[in-house]
Amino acid sequence: MFAVLMEQRGWEVIYLGQDLPADGLSKIVAQVTPVVLCVTFSMAEHLPGIFDIAQELKDFDSQQMVFAYTGRAFTQNPE
């Protein structure tokens, strides 16, 4: 739904799908060169995966790409 809303607001969206492994994500990011990379987490048991994603993206310049995250798992587990 988030991707659809962003497209309606004029953003070009590349939806990578659900259950995307962090391994290899940096290769995709290097090819696509997004302005924003947003991931969503619905289930709390998947939250540790955000650390894997952050590790995979550590070499990218934060001035060139914003890494954003959202989802019900964060609102239900604000810690």
N, C-alpha and C. Protein backbone atom coordinates (compact mmCIF):
# COMPACT_ATOMS: atom_id res chain seq x y z
N MET A 1 0.82 -1.18 0.00
CA MET A 1 0.00 0.00 0.00
C MET A 1 0.87 1.26 0.00
N PHE A 2 1.94 1.22 0.77
CA PHE A 2 2.84 2.37 0.83
C PHE A 2 3.39 2.70 -0.56
N ALA A 3 3.77 1.67 -1.30
CA ALA A 3 4.31 1.88 -2.65
C ALA A 3 3.28 2.54 -3.56
N VAL A 4 2.05 2.11 -3.46
CA VAL A 4 0.98 2.70 -4.28
C VAL A 4 0.79 4.17 -3.92
N LEU A 5 0.77 4.47 -2.65
CA LEU A 5 0.61 5.87 -2.22
C LEU A 5 1.76 6.74 -2.70
N MET A 6 2.98 6.22 -2.66
CA MET A 6 4.13 6.98 -3.13
C MET A 6 4.04 7.22 -4.64
N GLU A 7 3.62 6.22 -5.38
CA GLU A 7 3.44 6.40 -6.83
C GLU A 7 2.39 7.45 -7.13
N GLN A 8 1.32 7.46 -6.37
CA GLN A 8 0.27 8.45 -6.57
C GLN A 8 0.77 9.87 -6.31
N ARG A 9 1.81 9.97 -5.52
CA ARG A 9 2.40 11.28 -5.22
C ARG A 9 3.56 11.63 -6.16
N GLY A 10 3.74 10.81 -7.18
CA GLY A 10 4.72 11.13 -8.22
C GLY A 10 6.09 10.49 -8.08
N TRP A 11 6.29 9.67 -7.08
CA TRP A 11 7.57 8.98 -6.90
C TRP A 11 7.65 7.79 -7.85
N GLU A 12 8.83 7.52 -8.37
CA GLU A 12 9.06 6.28 -9.10
C GLU A 12 9.39 5.21 -8.06
N VAL A 13 8.61 4.17 -8.03
CA VAL A 13 8.74 3.12 -7.02
C VAL A 13 9.18 1.83 -7.67
N ILE A 14 10.16 1.20 -7.06
CA ILE A 14 10.57 -0.15 -7.46
C ILE A 14 10.28 -1.05 -6.27
N TYR A 15 9.27 -1.86 -6.41
CA TYR A 15 8.85 -2.75 -5.32
C TYR A 15 9.68 -4.03 -5.41
N LEU A 16 10.42 -4.32 -4.36
CA LEU A 16 11.29 -5.49 -4.36
C LEU A 16 10.63 -6.72 -3.79
N GLY A 17 9.42 -6.57 -3.29
CA GLY A 17 8.68 -7.73 -2.80
C GLY A 17 8.76 -7.89 -1.31
N GLN A 18 8.07 -8.90 -0.84
CA GLN A 18 8.09 -9.21 0.58
C GLN A 18 9.11 -10.29 0.86
N ASP A 19 9.54 -10.36 2.10
CA ASP A 19 10.48 -11.39 2.52
C ASP A 19 11.77 -11.34 1.71
N LEU A 20 12.27 -10.15 1.49
CA LEU A 20 13.51 -9.95 0.74
C LEU A 20 14.70 -10.15 1.68
N PRO A 21 15.61 -11.04 1.37
CA PRO A 21 16.77 -11.23 2.25
C PRO A 21 17.72 -10.04 2.17
N ALA A 22 18.37 -9.73 3.28
CA ALA A 22 19.32 -8.61 3.32
C ALA A 22 20.55 -8.93 2.47
N ASP A 23 20.93 -10.18 2.42
CA ASP A 23 22.10 -10.59 1.65
C ASP A 23 21.89 -10.27 0.17
N GLY A 24 22.74 -9.44 -0.37
CA GLY A 24 22.62 -9.08 -1.77
C GLY A 24 21.89 -7.77 -2.01
N LEU A 25 21.31 -7.21 -0.95
CA LEU A 25 20.58 -5.96 -1.09
C LEU A 25 21.49 -4.82 -1.56
N SER A 26 22.72 -4.81 -1.10
CA SER A 26 23.65 -3.74 -1.50
C SER A 26 23.91 -3.77 -3.00
N LYS A 27 23.90 -4.94 -3.60
CA LYS A 27 24.09 -5.05 -5.05
C LYS A 27 22.91 -4.40 -5.79
N ILE A 28 21.71 -4.64 -5.31
CA ILE A 28 20.53 -4.04 -5.93
C ILE A 28 20.57 -2.52 -5.77
N VAL A 29 20.90 -2.06 -4.57
CA VAL A 29 20.97 -0.63 -4.30
C VAL A 29 22.02 0.04 -5.18
N ALA A 30 23.15 -0.61 -5.38
CA ALA A 30 24.20 -0.05 -6.23
C ALA A 30 23.73 0.07 -7.68
N GLN A 31 22.93 -0.86 -8.15
CA GLN A 31 22.43 -0.83 -9.53
C GLN A 31 21.32 0.20 -9.71
N VAL A 32 20.44 0.30 -8.75
CA VAL A 32 19.26 1.15 -8.87
C VAL A 32 19.53 2.59 -8.43
N THR A 33 20.44 2.76 -7.49
CA THR A 33 20.78 4.06 -6.86
C THR A 33 19.53 4.84 -6.42
N PRO A 34 18.79 4.30 -5.46
CA PRO A 34 17.58 4.99 -5.00
C PRO A 34 17.89 6.21 -4.15
N VAL A 35 16.95 7.13 -4.11
CA VAL A 35 17.04 8.28 -3.22
C VAL A 35 16.60 7.87 -1.82
N VAL A 36 15.60 7.00 -1.77
CA VAL A 36 15.06 6.50 -0.50
C VAL A 36 14.92 4.98 -0.61
N LEU A 37 15.35 4.29 0.42
CA LEU A 37 15.09 2.86 0.54
C LEU A 37 14.25 2.69 1.79
N CYS A 38 13.04 2.22 1.61
CA CYS A 38 12.12 2.07 2.74
C CYS A 38 11.74 0.61 2.89
N VAL A 39 11.85 0.13 4.10
CA VAL A 39 11.43 -1.24 4.40
C VAL A 39 10.33 -1.18 5.46
N THR A 40 9.43 -2.12 5.39
CA THR A 40 8.37 -2.19 6.38
C THR A 40 8.42 -3.54 7.08
N PHE A 41 8.08 -3.52 8.35
CA PHE A 41 8.04 -4.73 9.15
C PHE A 41 6.67 -4.81 9.82
N SER A 42 5.94 -5.87 9.53
CA SER A 42 4.62 -6.07 10.12
C SER A 42 4.68 -6.90 11.39
N MET A 43 5.61 -7.85 11.41
CA MET A 43 5.66 -8.81 12.51
C MET A 43 6.93 -8.59 13.33
N ALA A 44 6.76 -8.54 14.64
CA ALA A 44 7.87 -8.25 15.55
C ALA A 44 9.01 -9.26 15.44
N GLU A 45 8.70 -10.48 15.13
CA GLU A 45 9.77 -11.50 15.05
C GLU A 45 10.74 -11.24 13.90
N HIS A 46 10.37 -10.37 12.97
CA HIS A 46 11.25 -10.05 11.86
C HIS A 46 12.11 -8.81 12.12
N LEU A 47 11.86 -8.11 13.22
CA LEU A 47 12.59 -6.88 13.50
C LEU A 47 14.11 -7.03 13.56
N PRO A 48 14.66 -8.13 14.07
CA PRO A 48 16.12 -8.24 14.06
C PRO A 48 16.72 -8.15 12.65
N GLY A 49 15.93 -8.41 11.63
CA GLY A 49 16.40 -8.31 10.26
C GLY A 49 16.81 -6.90 9.86
N ILE A 50 16.34 -5.90 10.58
CA ILE A 50 16.72 -4.53 10.24
C ILE A 50 18.21 -4.31 10.48
N PHE A 51 18.78 -5.02 11.43
CA PHE A 51 20.21 -4.91 11.68
C PHE A 51 21.01 -5.52 10.54
N ASP A 52 20.50 -6.61 9.97
CA ASP A 52 21.15 -7.22 8.80
C ASP A 52 21.11 -6.26 7.62
N ILE A 53 19.98 -5.60 7.43
CA ILE A 53 19.86 -4.64 6.33
C ILE A 53 20.80 -3.47 6.54
N ALA A 54 20.84 -2.93 7.76
CA ALA A 54 21.73 -1.80 8.05
C ALA A 54 23.18 -2.19 7.82
N GLN A 55 23.57 -3.39 8.21
CA GLN A 55 24.94 -3.85 7.98
C GLN A 55 25.24 -3.96 6.49
N GLU A 56 24.29 -4.46 5.74
CA GLU A 56 24.46 -4.62 4.29
C GLU A 56 24.62 -3.25 3.61
N LEU A 57 24.00 -2.22 4.16
CA LEU A 57 24.00 -0.90 3.53
C LEU A 57 25.01 0.07 4.15
N LYS A 58 25.84 -0.40 5.04
CA LYS A 58 26.74 0.49 5.79
C LYS A 58 27.71 1.28 4.92
N ASP A 59 28.03 0.81 3.75
CA ASP A 59 29.00 1.50 2.89
C ASP A 59 28.37 2.56 1.99
N PHE A 60 27.05 2.70 2.02
CA PHE A 60 26.40 3.69 1.17
C PHE A 60 26.37 5.04 1.87
N ASP A 61 26.57 6.07 1.10
CA ASP A 61 26.61 7.44 1.60
C ASP A 61 25.21 7.88 2.02
N SER A 62 25.06 8.20 3.29
CA SER A 62 23.75 8.62 3.79
C SER A 62 23.31 9.96 3.22
N GLN A 63 24.23 10.70 2.59
CA GLN A 63 23.84 11.95 1.94
C GLN A 63 23.18 11.68 0.58
N GLN A 64 23.41 10.51 0.03
CA GLN A 64 22.88 10.16 -1.28
C GLN A 64 21.62 9.29 -1.21
N MET A 65 21.46 8.57 -0.11
CA MET A 65 20.31 7.67 0.02
C MET A 65 19.81 7.68 1.46
N VAL A 66 18.53 7.88 1.63
CA VAL A 66 17.91 7.82 2.95
C VAL A 66 17.39 6.40 3.16
N PHE A 67 17.70 5.82 4.31
CA PHE A 67 17.19 4.51 4.68
C PHE A 67 16.06 4.74 5.68
N ALA A 68 14.86 4.34 5.31
CA ALA A 68 13.69 4.55 6.16
C ALA A 68 13.05 3.21 6.49
N TYR A 69 12.41 3.17 7.63
CA TYR A 69 11.72 1.95 8.03
C TYR A 69 10.43 2.32 8.73
N THR A 70 9.46 1.45 8.58
CA THR A 70 8.14 1.69 9.16
C THR A 70 7.43 0.35 9.33
N GLY A 71 6.26 0.40 9.90
CA GLY A 71 5.44 -0.80 9.98
C GLY A 71 4.84 -1.01 11.36
N ARG A 72 3.85 -1.86 11.38
CA ARG A 72 3.13 -2.18 12.61
C ARG A 72 4.05 -2.74 13.69
N ALA A 73 5.07 -3.47 13.30
CA ALA A 73 5.98 -4.05 14.29
C ALA A 73 6.67 -2.98 15.12
N PHE A 74 6.94 -1.82 14.52
CA PHE A 74 7.59 -0.73 15.26
C PHE A 74 6.59 0.00 16.16
N THR A 75 5.37 0.17 15.69
CA THR A 75 4.39 0.86 16.53
C THR A 75 3.98 0.00 17.71
N GLN A 76 3.98 -1.29 17.54
CA GLN A 76 3.63 -2.19 18.64
C GLN A 76 4.82 -2.45 19.57
N ASN A 77 6.04 -2.17 19.10
CA ASN A 77 7.25 -2.40 19.89
C ASN A 77 8.16 -1.16 19.77
N PRO A 78 7.76 -0.04 20.36
CA PRO A 78 8.53 1.19 20.18
C PRO A 78 9.95 1.13 20.73
N GLU A 79 10.23 0.22 21.61
CA GLU A 79 11.58 0.11 22.15
C GLU A 79 12.55 -0.37 21.09
